[in-house]
């Protein structure tokens, strides 16, 4: 500890970034000191929010009302700017203004009494504000720590563990060693040291003291993370697991299970189902798939990939949608024999259905999802924890890729599909052509991209510069007719072939 304090004193004085980590058995901590006035440009990493306006009032604290189709998603204290507002044009020229949220569809922006009357239109766009953060030195943090809370159900736990790590240092100073494994005398002395430095020792419970004793028992442990994972899962070779979805999360789950040996025993099995086929756009995040796998079923391809990693794994791929229409496939007996269900889905309705089935059959469910830079996980134990369906998320703003590609069922789906197609045909491909013709180092830059991206760019160049490119008006008519056939006939027929209407 003295060496860490000495090094951090030097880095803190020179405003250098410092990170320290330690582990004792299954206990560990991380300390971060990025110096004084560390600039955080984006505090969330999320895309800036925007909303379409329906009204702005003229009053001392003007109220902005958004279209009731989509929640604005803003928080009190956020800053926004305005564009395209008709009538009350003064707001279009305003500097970013701090807002106070009134509800999911309205917020206030300050005095608008002397502005022109609002007529129509307008967009409010979040303007992200950077912030400056000053970190404490290790010496200061030891006396007055600031914790990152990761479990709001155990908010007192970080302070307890902080006292435990301080007690380890004191024990080592007095005895020249750490507490011996499973030694009651050392553990008792260690707990006394921890209580002496704990800021709220009077609130420490009997369970807290037992946790500190465990920390003492494990203090000399030096466990490699992989050994800890393998040891913790050694008894899970005969698990029967059901994975719903083989996309980005599903691929990662299968890879982890294969490396851990889940379902590698004689009685174990993993059933993975996904009705989608692999698209070229999947390859940048679904790492079990390769260029030559495009158009193949995700579940079959993912199963084959993880079996190459671990030939002992027992995996059963399926292309059946999980829902009421396939209860003859995923029957009562199927669910009763399961040990664990894992969701890797991209829509709320399917998640709710799987959740209801797990509650009915009393099966544990691991729920997870991602959206941009955000992600979530939820462990659900029927009748012990809240189920997924017990709470309701706000309406989904983004459209899942699989829905957009294969099963558009709302007007916003078709609009987004049209926008993506237009962008590909008349923007991205032409931009690549212009760069190819104008930049001498285009090929060198292209070599830095992935093979799949290179192939896509080259195919676009060939289409727009090759002998088949339309050069007359009649050629353009033929090209458009072929595109129409591809989009509105061939692809639909192929989809109905893959997923017959009667299934």
Protein backbone atom coordinates (compact mmCIF):
# COMPACT_ATOMS: atom_id res chain seq x y z
CA UNK A 1 0.00 0.00 0.00
CA UNK A 2 2.81 2.43 0.82
CA UNK A 3 4.25 1.95 -2.65
CA UNK A 4 0.86 2.61 -4.26
CA UNK A 5 0.42 5.73 -2.16
CA UNK A 6 3.89 6.98 -3.14
CA UNK A 7 3.28 6.43 -6.86
CA UNK A 8 -0.15 8.06 -6.76
CA UNK A 9 1.20 11.07 -4.87
CA UNK A 10 3.55 11.63 -7.81
CA UNK A 11 0.94 11.10 -10.53
CA UNK A 12 -1.67 13.22 -8.76
CA UNK A 13 0.79 16.09 -8.33
CA UNK A 14 1.56 16.03 -12.07
CA UNK A 15 -2.11 15.50 -13.04
CA UNK A 16 -1.37 12.12 -14.62
CA UNK A 17 -3.96 9.35 -14.87
CA UNK A 18 -3.63 6.50 -12.40
CA UNK A 19 -5.51 3.20 -12.03
CA UNK A 20 -4.81 0.56 -9.38
CA UNK A 21 -6.47 -2.84 -9.00
CA UNK A 22 -6.09 -5.65 -6.47
CA UNK A 23 -7.72 -8.94 -5.57
CA UNK A 24 -7.69 -11.21 -2.54
CA UNK A 25 -9.48 -14.46 -3.21
CA UNK A 26 -12.91 -13.56 -4.54
CA UNK A 27 -12.71 -9.97 -3.25
CA UNK A 28 -11.28 -7.11 -5.28
CA UNK A 29 -11.32 -3.37 -5.84
CA UNK A 30 -10.30 -0.78 -8.43
CA UNK A 31 -9.15 2.78 -7.72
CA UNK A 32 -9.21 5.49 -10.41
CA UNK A 33 -7.54 8.91 -10.26
CA UNK A 34 -7.63 10.94 -13.48
CA UNK A 35 -6.41 14.10 -11.79
CA UNK A 36 -7.94 17.55 -11.42
CA UNK A 37 -10.45 19.00 -13.90
CA UNK A 38 -10.70 15.90 -16.06
CA UNK A 39 -12.89 16.86 -19.02
CA UNK A 40 -15.77 14.52 -19.85
CA UNK A 41 -17.05 15.45 -23.30
CA UNK A 42 -20.04 13.09 -23.29
CA UNK A 43 -21.32 11.88 -19.93
CA UNK A 44 -23.54 9.08 -21.33
CA UNK A 45 -22.14 7.99 -24.71
CA UNK A 46 -25.65 7.90 -26.13
CA UNK A 47 -26.91 9.56 -29.30
CA UNK A 48 -28.41 13.02 -28.81
CA UNK A 49 -32.19 12.89 -28.39
CA UNK A 50 -34.65 14.83 -30.54
CA UNK A 51 -38.40 15.29 -30.73
CA UNK A 52 -40.97 16.89 -33.05
CA UNK A 53 -42.85 19.82 -31.53
CA UNK A 54 -46.60 20.37 -31.49
CA UNK A 55 -46.79 23.61 -29.43
CA UNK A 56 -44.82 26.22 -27.44
CA UNK A 57 -46.74 28.40 -25.00
CA UNK A 58 -46.22 32.15 -24.40
CA UNK A 59 -45.75 32.48 -20.65
CA UNK A 60 -43.22 33.23 -17.95
CA UNK A 61 -42.03 29.64 -18.01
CA UNK A 62 -42.84 28.58 -21.55
CA UNK A 63 -43.98 24.99 -21.99
CA UNK A 64 -42.81 22.99 -25.00
CA UNK A 65 -45.16 20.17 -25.98
CA UNK A 66 -43.91 17.36 -28.19
CA UNK A 67 -45.80 15.08 -30.52
CA UNK A 68 -47.59 12.44 -28.46
CA UNK A 69 -46.37 9.65 -30.73
CA UNK A 70 -42.86 9.44 -29.23
CA UNK A 71 -41.57 10.38 -25.75
CA UNK A 72 -38.88 13.06 -25.77
CA UNK A 73 -36.61 11.02 -23.45
CA UNK A 74 -35.00 14.14 -21.95
CA UNK A 75 -34.15 14.78 -18.29
CA UNK A 76 -34.34 17.90 -16.15
CA UNK A 77 -31.06 19.78 -16.54
CA UNK A 78 -30.51 18.77 -20.16
CA UNK A 79 -29.91 21.47 -22.78
CA UNK A 80 -31.75 21.74 -26.11
CA UNK A 81 -31.72 23.85 -29.26
CA UNK A 82 -34.58 24.44 -31.71
CA UNK A 83 -34.84 24.42 -35.49
CA UNK A 84 -37.59 24.80 -38.11
CA UNK A 85 -40.06 26.41 -35.68
CA UNK A 86 -42.63 28.57 -37.50
CA UNK A 87 -44.19 31.60 -35.85
CA UNK A 88 -42.09 31.67 -32.68
CA UNK A 89 -38.91 31.92 -34.74
CA UNK A 90 -36.99 33.51 -31.85
CA UNK A 91 -36.34 30.08 -30.36
CA UNK A 92 -34.50 29.01 -33.53
CA UNK A 93 -31.76 31.54 -32.72
CA UNK A 94 -31.48 30.75 -29.01
CA UNK A 95 -28.33 29.40 -27.45
CA UNK A 96 -28.72 25.94 -25.86
CA UNK A 97 -31.33 26.35 -23.12
CA UNK A 98 -31.63 24.36 -19.91
CA UNK A 99 -34.95 22.54 -19.54
CA UNK A 100 -37.18 21.29 -16.74
CA UNK A 101 -39.14 18.15 -17.59
CA UNK A 102 -42.87 18.22 -16.84
CA UNK A 103 -43.73 14.83 -18.31
CA UNK A 104 -42.83 12.38 -21.07
CA UNK A 105 -44.16 14.77 -23.75
CA UNK A 106 -43.46 18.26 -22.34
CA UNK A 107 -40.80 20.46 -20.73
CA UNK A 108 -40.23 24.14 -19.91
CA UNK A 109 -37.57 26.46 -21.36
CA UNK A 110 -37.97 29.77 -19.49
CA UNK A 111 -39.63 33.09 -20.37
CA UNK A 112 -41.36 33.12 -23.78
CA UNK A 113 -43.90 35.90 -23.08
CA UNK A 114 -42.30 38.34 -25.51
CA UNK A 115 -41.79 35.89 -28.35
CA UNK A 116 -44.06 35.64 -31.39
CA UNK A 117 -46.96 33.21 -31.28
CA UNK A 118 -46.15 29.62 -32.17
CA UNK A 119 -47.68 28.47 -35.45
CA UNK A 120 -46.41 25.01 -36.37
CA UNK A 121 -43.49 22.65 -36.85
CA UNK A 122 -40.13 22.58 -35.18
CA UNK A 123 -37.64 20.12 -33.75
CA UNK A 124 -36.00 20.15 -30.31
CA UNK A 125 -32.50 18.66 -30.34
CA UNK A 126 -30.53 17.76 -27.23
CA UNK A 127 -27.26 19.67 -26.97
CA UNK A 128 -24.83 17.68 -24.89
CA UNK A 129 -22.81 19.61 -22.34
CA UNK A 130 -19.40 18.46 -21.20
CA UNK A 131 -18.46 18.37 -17.55
CA UNK A 132 -15.30 18.65 -15.50
CA UNK A 133 -14.55 16.02 -12.86
CA UNK A 134 -11.86 16.29 -10.19
CA UNK A 135 -10.61 13.04 -8.69
CA UNK A 136 -9.26 12.47 -5.22
CA UNK A 137 -5.79 11.09 -4.67
CA UNK A 138 -5.48 7.59 -3.24
CA UNK A 139 -4.44 9.03 0.10
CA UNK A 140 -7.55 11.25 0.19
CA UNK A 141 -9.82 8.46 -1.02
CA UNK A 142 -8.64 6.09 1.69
CA UNK A 143 -9.94 8.54 4.30
CA UNK A 144 -13.00 9.80 2.40
CA UNK A 145 -13.89 7.37 -0.41
CA UNK A 146 -16.42 7.88 -3.21
CA UNK A 147 -17.93 4.61 -4.40
CA UNK A 148 -19.46 3.57 -7.71
CA UNK A 149 -22.68 1.83 -6.70
CA UNK A 150 -23.36 -1.26 -8.82
CA UNK A 151 -26.06 -2.89 -6.67
CA UNK A 152 -28.66 -0.50 -5.28
CA UNK A 153 -29.97 -3.28 -3.05
CA UNK A 154 -26.64 -3.37 -1.17
CA UNK A 155 -25.61 0.26 -0.99
CA UNK A 156 -23.76 -0.30 2.29
CA UNK A 157 -21.55 -3.06 0.85
CA UNK A 158 -18.79 -0.88 -0.76
CA UNK A 159 -18.04 0.88 2.54
CA UNK A 160 -17.84 -2.47 4.32
CA UNK A 161 -15.41 -3.90 1.76
CA UNK A 162 -13.37 -0.68 1.85
CA UNK A 163 -12.95 -1.16 5.60
CA UNK A 164 -12.01 -4.78 4.94
CA UNK A 165 -9.20 -3.87 2.56
CA UNK A 166 -7.89 -1.31 5.05
CA UNK A 167 -7.98 -4.01 7.73
CA UNK A 168 -5.92 -6.29 5.47
CA UNK A 169 -3.23 -3.61 5.24
CA UNK A 170 -3.20 -3.09 9.02
CA UNK A 171 -3.06 -6.85 9.67
CA UNK A 172 -0.14 -7.21 7.26
CA UNK A 173 1.69 -4.29 8.88
CA UNK A 174 1.37 -5.78 12.38
CA UNK A 175 2.03 -9.44 11.51
CA UNK A 176 4.11 -9.24 8.34
CA UNK A 177 1.61 -11.48 6.56
CA UNK A 178 -2.04 -11.70 5.53
CA UNK A 179 -4.63 -13.63 7.58
CA UNK A 180 -4.20 -17.39 7.26
CA UNK A 181 -6.85 -19.37 5.34
CA UNK A 182 -9.76 -20.53 7.53
CA UNK A 183 -7.98 -19.39 10.70
CA UNK A 184 -10.52 -18.28 13.30
CA UNK A 185 -8.07 -16.32 15.45
CA UNK A 186 -6.80 -14.32 12.46
CA UNK A 187 -10.37 -13.79 11.23
CA UNK A 188 -11.53 -12.46 14.61
CA UNK A 189 -8.63 -10.01 14.79
CA UNK A 190 -9.22 -8.99 11.17
CA UNK A 191 -12.92 -8.26 11.81
CA UNK A 192 -11.99 -6.12 14.83
CA UNK A 193 -9.56 -4.12 12.66
CA UNK A 194 -12.27 -3.62 10.01
CA UNK A 195 -14.85 -2.42 12.54
CA UNK A 196 -12.32 0.01 14.00
CA UNK A 197 -11.89 1.81 10.66
CA UNK A 198 -15.48 1.45 9.37
CA UNK A 199 -17.23 4.82 9.17
CA UNK A 200 -20.56 3.32 10.35
CA UNK A 201 -19.47 0.44 12.57
CA UNK A 202 -22.67 0.65 14.62
CA UNK A 203 -24.70 -0.33 11.54
CA UNK A 204 -22.66 -3.46 10.79
CA UNK A 205 -24.87 -6.56 11.02
CA UNK A 206 -24.04 -10.17 11.85
CA UNK A 207 -24.18 -10.98 8.13
CA UNK A 208 -21.68 -8.19 7.45
CA UNK A 209 -19.29 -9.68 10.00
CA UNK A 210 -19.62 -13.09 8.35
CA UNK A 211 -18.71 -11.49 5.02
CA UNK A 212 -15.62 -9.93 6.60
CA UNK A 213 -14.65 -13.34 7.99
CA UNK A 214 -14.89 -14.78 4.48
CA UNK A 215 -12.61 -11.99 3.29
CA UNK A 216 -10.09 -12.97 5.96
CA UNK A 217 -10.30 -16.65 5.02
CA UNK A 218 -9.57 -15.84 1.35
CA UNK A 219 -7.01 -13.06 1.82
CA UNK A 220 -4.07 -15.14 0.57
CA UNK A 221 -5.98 -16.44 -2.45
CA UNK A 222 -4.60 -15.63 -5.90
CA UNK A 223 -7.17 -16.96 -8.38
CA UNK A 224 -6.86 -16.50 -12.14
CA UNK A 225 -10.20 -15.31 -13.58
CA UNK A 226 -10.50 -18.23 -15.94
CA UNK A 227 -9.83 -20.74 -13.18
CA UNK A 228 -12.57 -19.06 -11.14
CA UNK A 229 -15.02 -19.31 -14.05
CA UNK A 230 -14.16 -22.92 -14.86
CA UNK A 231 -14.32 -23.91 -11.20
CA UNK A 232 -17.68 -22.22 -10.75
CA UNK A 233 -19.13 -23.96 -13.78
CA UNK A 234 -17.50 -27.38 -13.43
CA UNK A 235 -20.76 -28.87 -12.18
CA UNK A 236 -22.77 -27.48 -15.11
CA UNK A 237 -21.67 -29.92 -17.82
CA UNK A 238 -25.03 -31.69 -17.66
CA UNK A 239 -27.21 -28.59 -17.78
CA UNK A 240 -30.14 -28.48 -20.20
CA UNK A 241 -30.25 -24.94 -21.57
CA UNK A 242 -32.66 -23.20 -23.97
CA UNK A 243 -31.27 -20.19 -25.87
CA UNK A 244 -33.86 -18.08 -27.71
CA UNK A 245 -32.07 -16.07 -30.40
CA UNK A 246 -28.73 -16.53 -32.16
CA UNK A 247 -27.89 -12.92 -33.00
CA UNK A 248 -25.20 -10.76 -31.40
CA UNK A 249 -25.95 -11.71 -27.77
CA UNK A 250 -26.81 -15.29 -28.71
CA UNK A 251 -23.47 -15.80 -30.48
CA UNK A 252 -21.58 -14.46 -27.48
CA UNK A 253 -23.51 -16.70 -25.07
CA UNK A 254 -22.86 -19.80 -27.19
CA UNK A 255 -19.16 -18.99 -27.46
CA UNK A 256 -18.86 -18.54 -23.68
CA UNK A 257 -20.75 -21.75 -22.95
CA UNK A 258 -18.63 -23.74 -25.39
CA UNK A 259 -15.41 -22.50 -23.76
CA UNK A 260 -16.80 -23.17 -20.27
CA UNK A 261 -17.94 -26.69 -21.12
CA UNK A 262 -21.64 -26.08 -20.49
CA UNK A 263 -23.72 -29.03 -21.77
CA UNK A 264 -20.58 -31.02 -22.60
CA UNK A 265 -21.62 -33.94 -20.39
CA UNK A 266 -23.61 -36.96 -21.54
CA UNK A 267 -26.86 -35.64 -20.06
CA UNK A 268 -26.36 -31.99 -21.04
CA UNK A 269 -27.83 -30.16 -24.04
CA UNK A 270 -28.24 -26.67 -25.47
CA UNK A 271 -31.24 -25.98 -27.69
CA UNK A 272 -30.86 -22.79 -29.72
CA UNK A 273 -33.64 -21.46 -31.93
CA UNK A 274 -33.67 -18.54 -34.35
CA UNK A 275 -35.81 -18.23 -37.48
CA UNK A 276 -33.59 -15.60 -39.13
CA UNK A 277 -30.99 -16.07 -41.82
CA UNK A 278 -27.61 -14.34 -41.80
CA UNK A 279 -27.41 -10.92 -43.48
CA UNK A 280 -24.22 -9.22 -44.57
CA UNK A 281 -24.92 -6.45 -42.06
CA UNK A 282 -24.77 -9.02 -39.21
CA UNK A 283 -21.10 -9.81 -39.73
CA UNK A 284 -19.74 -6.77 -37.86
CA UNK A 285 -21.19 -7.87 -34.50
CA UNK A 286 -22.22 -11.55 -34.75
CA UNK A 287 -18.77 -13.08 -34.62
CA UNK A 288 -19.64 -16.73 -35.18
CA UNK A 289 -20.61 -15.94 -38.79
CA UNK A 290 -18.43 -15.37 -41.86
CA UNK A 291 -18.96 -14.01 -45.36
CA UNK A 292 -19.62 -17.48 -46.79
CA UNK A 293 -22.40 -17.99 -44.20
CA UNK A 294 -24.63 -15.23 -45.62
CA UNK A 295 -28.19 -16.51 -46.32
CA UNK A 296 -27.74 -19.55 -44.05
CA UNK A 297 -29.83 -20.02 -40.91
CA UNK A 298 -28.26 -18.40 -37.84
CA UNK A 299 -29.02 -21.25 -35.45
CA UNK A 300 -27.45 -23.94 -37.68
CA UNK A 301 -24.36 -21.87 -38.41
CA UNK A 302 -23.84 -20.81 -34.78
CA UNK A 303 -24.22 -24.40 -33.58
CA UNK A 304 -21.63 -25.64 -36.07
CA UNK A 305 -19.22 -22.85 -35.09
CA UNK A 306 -19.27 -23.60 -31.36
CA UNK A 307 -18.99 -27.34 -31.97
CA UNK A 308 -15.70 -26.61 -33.74
CA UNK A 309 -14.59 -24.81 -30.56
CA UNK A 310 -15.70 -27.64 -28.28
CA UNK A 311 -16.56 -30.94 -30.02
CA UNK A 312 -17.99 -32.32 -26.75
CA UNK A 313 -20.79 -29.76 -26.54
CA UNK A 314 -24.29 -31.13 -27.21
CA UNK A 315 -26.24 -28.53 -29.18
CA UNK A 316 -29.55 -28.78 -31.04
CA UNK A 317 -30.34 -26.00 -33.57
CA UNK A 318 -33.90 -25.04 -34.47
CA UNK A 319 -35.58 -22.49 -36.75
CA UNK A 320 -38.92 -22.32 -34.93
CA UNK A 321 -40.33 -19.05 -33.64
CA UNK A 322 -41.04 -19.22 -29.90
CA UNK A 323 -44.71 -18.39 -29.41
CA UNK A 324 -48.18 -19.80 -29.02
CA UNK A 325 -48.06 -21.22 -32.55
CA UNK A 326 -45.09 -23.49 -31.70
CA UNK A 327 -46.23 -24.89 -28.37
CA UNK A 328 -46.48 -28.26 -30.10
CA UNK A 329 -42.70 -28.01 -30.64
CA UNK A 330 -41.63 -26.48 -27.32
CA UNK A 331 -44.03 -28.59 -25.30
CA UNK A 332 -44.72 -28.95 -21.59
CA UNK A 333 -42.24 -31.79 -21.39
CA UNK A 334 -39.59 -29.70 -23.16
CA UNK A 335 -39.83 -26.86 -20.62
CA UNK A 336 -40.13 -29.20 -17.63
CA UNK A 337 -36.78 -30.82 -18.50
CA UNK A 338 -34.90 -27.50 -18.76
CA UNK A 339 -32.49 -26.14 -16.14
CA UNK A 340 -32.08 -22.63 -17.59
CA UNK A 341 -33.58 -20.38 -20.27
CA UNK A 342 -31.64 -17.48 -21.81
CA UNK A 343 -33.21 -14.74 -23.92
CA UNK A 344 -31.24 -13.13 -26.75
CA UNK A 345 -34.23 -11.49 -28.43
CA UNK A 346 -34.81 -8.14 -30.11
CA UNK A 347 -38.46 -7.43 -29.30
CA UNK A 348 -40.55 -7.04 -26.16
CA UNK A 349 -43.49 -9.29 -27.10
CA UNK A 350 -41.28 -12.36 -27.54
CA UNK A 351 -39.49 -11.60 -24.27
CA UNK A 352 -42.79 -11.44 -22.42
CA UNK A 353 -43.95 -14.75 -23.85
CA UNK A 354 -40.75 -16.56 -22.82
CA UNK A 355 -40.95 -14.90 -19.40
CA UNK A 356 -44.52 -16.17 -18.89
CA UNK A 357 -43.49 -19.70 -19.83
CA UNK A 358 -40.56 -19.61 -17.41
CA UNK A 359 -42.76 -18.37 -14.56
CA UNK A 360 -45.33 -21.08 -15.30
CA UNK A 361 -42.72 -23.87 -15.30
CA UNK A 362 -40.63 -22.22 -12.55
CA UNK A 363 -37.48 -22.07 -14.66
CA UNK A 364 -34.71 -19.47 -14.13
CA UNK A 365 -34.41 -16.95 -16.96
CA UNK A 366 -31.42 -14.82 -17.95
CA UNK A 367 -32.77 -11.77 -19.80
CA UNK A 368 -30.47 -9.39 -21.69
CA UNK A 369 -30.50 -6.82 -24.45
CA UNK A 370 -28.52 -4.04 -26.10
CA UNK A 371 -29.36 -0.74 -27.77
CA UNK A 372 -26.45 1.25 -29.17
CA UNK A 373 -23.96 1.79 -26.35
CA UNK A 374 -26.47 0.71 -23.71
CA UNK A 375 -27.14 -2.77 -22.39
CA UNK A 376 -29.00 -4.56 -19.64
CA UNK A 377 -29.14 -7.93 -17.93
CA UNK A 378 -31.80 -9.30 -15.59
CA UNK A 379 -31.69 -12.56 -13.65
CA UNK A 380 -35.22 -13.86 -13.06
CA UNK A 381 -35.98 -16.59 -10.52
CA UNK A 382 -39.73 -17.33 -10.47
CA UNK A 383 -41.40 -16.42 -7.17
CA UNK A 384 -38.10 -15.10 -5.79
CA UNK A 385 -37.41 -12.08 -8.02
CA UNK A 386 -39.46 -9.74 -10.16
CA UNK A 387 -40.32 -11.25 -13.55
CA UNK A 388 -39.67 -9.46 -16.83
CA UNK A 389 -43.39 -8.87 -17.41
CA UNK A 390 -43.84 -7.31 -13.96
CA UNK A 391 -42.56 -3.97 -15.24
CA UNK A 392 -43.21 -2.16 -18.49
CA UNK A 393 -40.57 -0.36 -20.51
CA UNK A 394 -41.35 2.80 -22.50
CA UNK A 395 -42.36 2.16 -26.12
CA UNK A 396 -39.45 1.11 -28.32
CA UNK A 397 -38.07 3.95 -30.43
CA UNK A 398 -35.67 1.98 -32.59
CA UNK A 399 -36.66 -0.78 -34.99
CA UNK A 400 -34.90 -4.16 -34.60
CA UNK A 401 -32.84 -5.05 -37.67
CA UNK A 402 -34.44 -8.49 -38.03
CA UNK A 403 -37.92 -6.95 -38.02
CA UNK A 404 -36.85 -4.34 -40.56
CA UNK A 405 -35.30 -6.89 -42.93
CA UNK A 406 -37.80 -9.73 -42.81
CA UNK A 407 -41.02 -8.88 -40.96
CA UNK A 408 -41.98 -5.18 -41.31
CA UNK A 409 -45.47 -4.87 -39.84
CA UNK A 410 -45.95 -1.14 -39.23
CA UNK A 411 -45.73 1.97 -41.39
CA UNK A 412 -42.57 3.16 -39.59
CA UNK A 413 -40.89 -0.15 -40.50
CA UNK A 414 -41.51 0.38 -44.22
CA UNK A 415 -40.39 4.01 -44.02
CA UNK A 416 -37.12 3.03 -42.35
CA UNK A 417 -36.58 0.23 -44.88
CA UNK A 418 -37.09 2.69 -47.73
CA UNK A 419 -34.67 5.18 -46.18
CA UNK A 420 -31.98 2.53 -45.72
CA UNK A 421 -32.41 1.27 -49.28
CA UNK A 422 -32.27 4.81 -50.71
CA UNK A 423 -29.15 5.57 -48.67
CA UNK A 424 -27.41 2.47 -50.01
CA UNK A 425 -28.37 2.98 -53.67
CA UNK A 426 -28.08 6.75 -54.07
CA UNK A 427 -25.74 7.95 -51.33
CA UNK A 428 -23.20 5.47 -49.94
CA UNK A 429 -22.35 3.74 -53.23
CA UNK A 430 -21.99 7.05 -55.08
CA UNK A 431 -19.84 8.45 -52.27
CA UNK A 432 -17.51 5.46 -52.65
CA UNK A 433 -17.37 6.04 -56.43
CA UNK A 434 -16.45 9.72 -55.94
CA UNK A 435 -13.69 8.83 -53.48
CA UNK A 436 -12.37 6.12 -55.81
CA UNK A 437 -12.15 8.58 -58.70
CA UNK A 438 -10.74 11.51 -56.71
CA UNK A 439 -8.45 10.05 -54.04
CA UNK A 440 -5.16 8.44 -55.17
CA UNK A 441 -4.83 6.53 -51.87
CA UNK A 442 -8.36 5.08 -52.00
CA UNK A 443 -7.15 1.49 -52.44
CA UNK A 444 -4.67 1.80 -49.58
CA UNK A 445 -7.43 3.09 -47.31
CA UNK A 446 -9.75 0.29 -48.44
CA UNK A 447 -7.17 -2.33 -47.44
CA UNK A 448 -7.50 -1.19 -43.82
CA UNK A 449 -11.16 -2.23 -43.73
CA UNK A 450 -12.48 -5.73 -43.08
CA UNK A 451 -12.74 -8.24 -45.92
CA UNK A 452 -16.54 -8.07 -45.92
CA UNK A 453 -16.48 -4.26 -46.15
CA UNK A 454 -13.92 -4.41 -48.97
CA UNK A 455 -16.12 -6.83 -50.89
CA UNK A 456 -19.19 -4.64 -50.43
CA UNK A 457 -17.37 -1.50 -51.63
CA UNK A 458 -15.87 -3.27 -54.66
CA UNK A 459 -19.25 -4.70 -55.66
CA UNK A 460 -20.71 -1.18 -55.48
CA UNK A 461 -17.89 0.21 -57.64
CA UNK A 462 -18.40 -2.52 -60.22
CA UNK A 463 -22.14 -1.86 -60.31
CA UNK A 464 -21.69 1.88 -60.86
CA UNK A 465 -18.58 1.90 -63.06
CA UNK A 466 -18.71 -1.46 -64.85
CA UNK A 467 -20.12 -2.33 -68.25
CA UNK A 468 -23.56 -3.08 -66.78
CA UNK A 469 -24.14 0.43 -65.47
CA UNK A 470 -27.16 2.24 -67.00
CA UNK A 471 -25.98 4.96 -69.40
CA UNK A 472 -29.22 5.83 -71.21
CA UNK A 473 -32.75 6.59 -70.09
CA UNK A 474 -33.90 3.19 -71.38
CA UNK A 475 -31.13 1.53 -69.37
CA UNK A 476 -32.38 3.33 -66.26
CA UNK A 477 -35.91 2.05 -66.86
CA UNK A 478 -34.58 -1.51 -67.13
CA UNK A 479 -32.49 -1.05 -63.97
CA UNK A 480 -35.50 0.27 -62.05
CA UNK A 481 -37.69 -2.59 -63.27
CA UNK A 482 -35.12 -5.15 -62.11
CA UNK A 483 -34.89 -3.46 -58.70
CA UNK A 484 -38.68 -3.49 -58.41
CA UNK A 485 -38.70 -7.21 -59.18
CA UNK A 486 -35.97 -7.83 -56.62
CA UNK A 487 -37.58 -5.82 -53.81
CA UNK A 488 -41.28 -6.50 -54.31
CA UNK A 489 -41.41 -9.97 -55.85
CA UNK A 490 -38.30 -12.14 -55.54
CA UNK A 491 -37.40 -11.26 -51.95
CA UNK A 492 -41.01 -11.71 -50.81
CA UNK A 493 -41.26 -15.08 -52.53
CA UNK A 494 -37.98 -16.16 -50.92
CA UNK A 495 -39.23 -15.06 -47.49
CA UNK A 496 -42.47 -17.02 -47.92
CA UNK A 497 -40.44 -20.04 -49.00
CA UNK A 498 -38.25 -19.83 -45.88
CA UNK A 499 -41.23 -19.13 -43.60
CA UNK A 500 -44.43 -20.60 -45.10
CA UNK A 501 -47.62 -18.77 -44.21
CA UNK A 502 -49.16 -21.86 -42.62
CA UNK A 503 -46.34 -22.28 -40.06
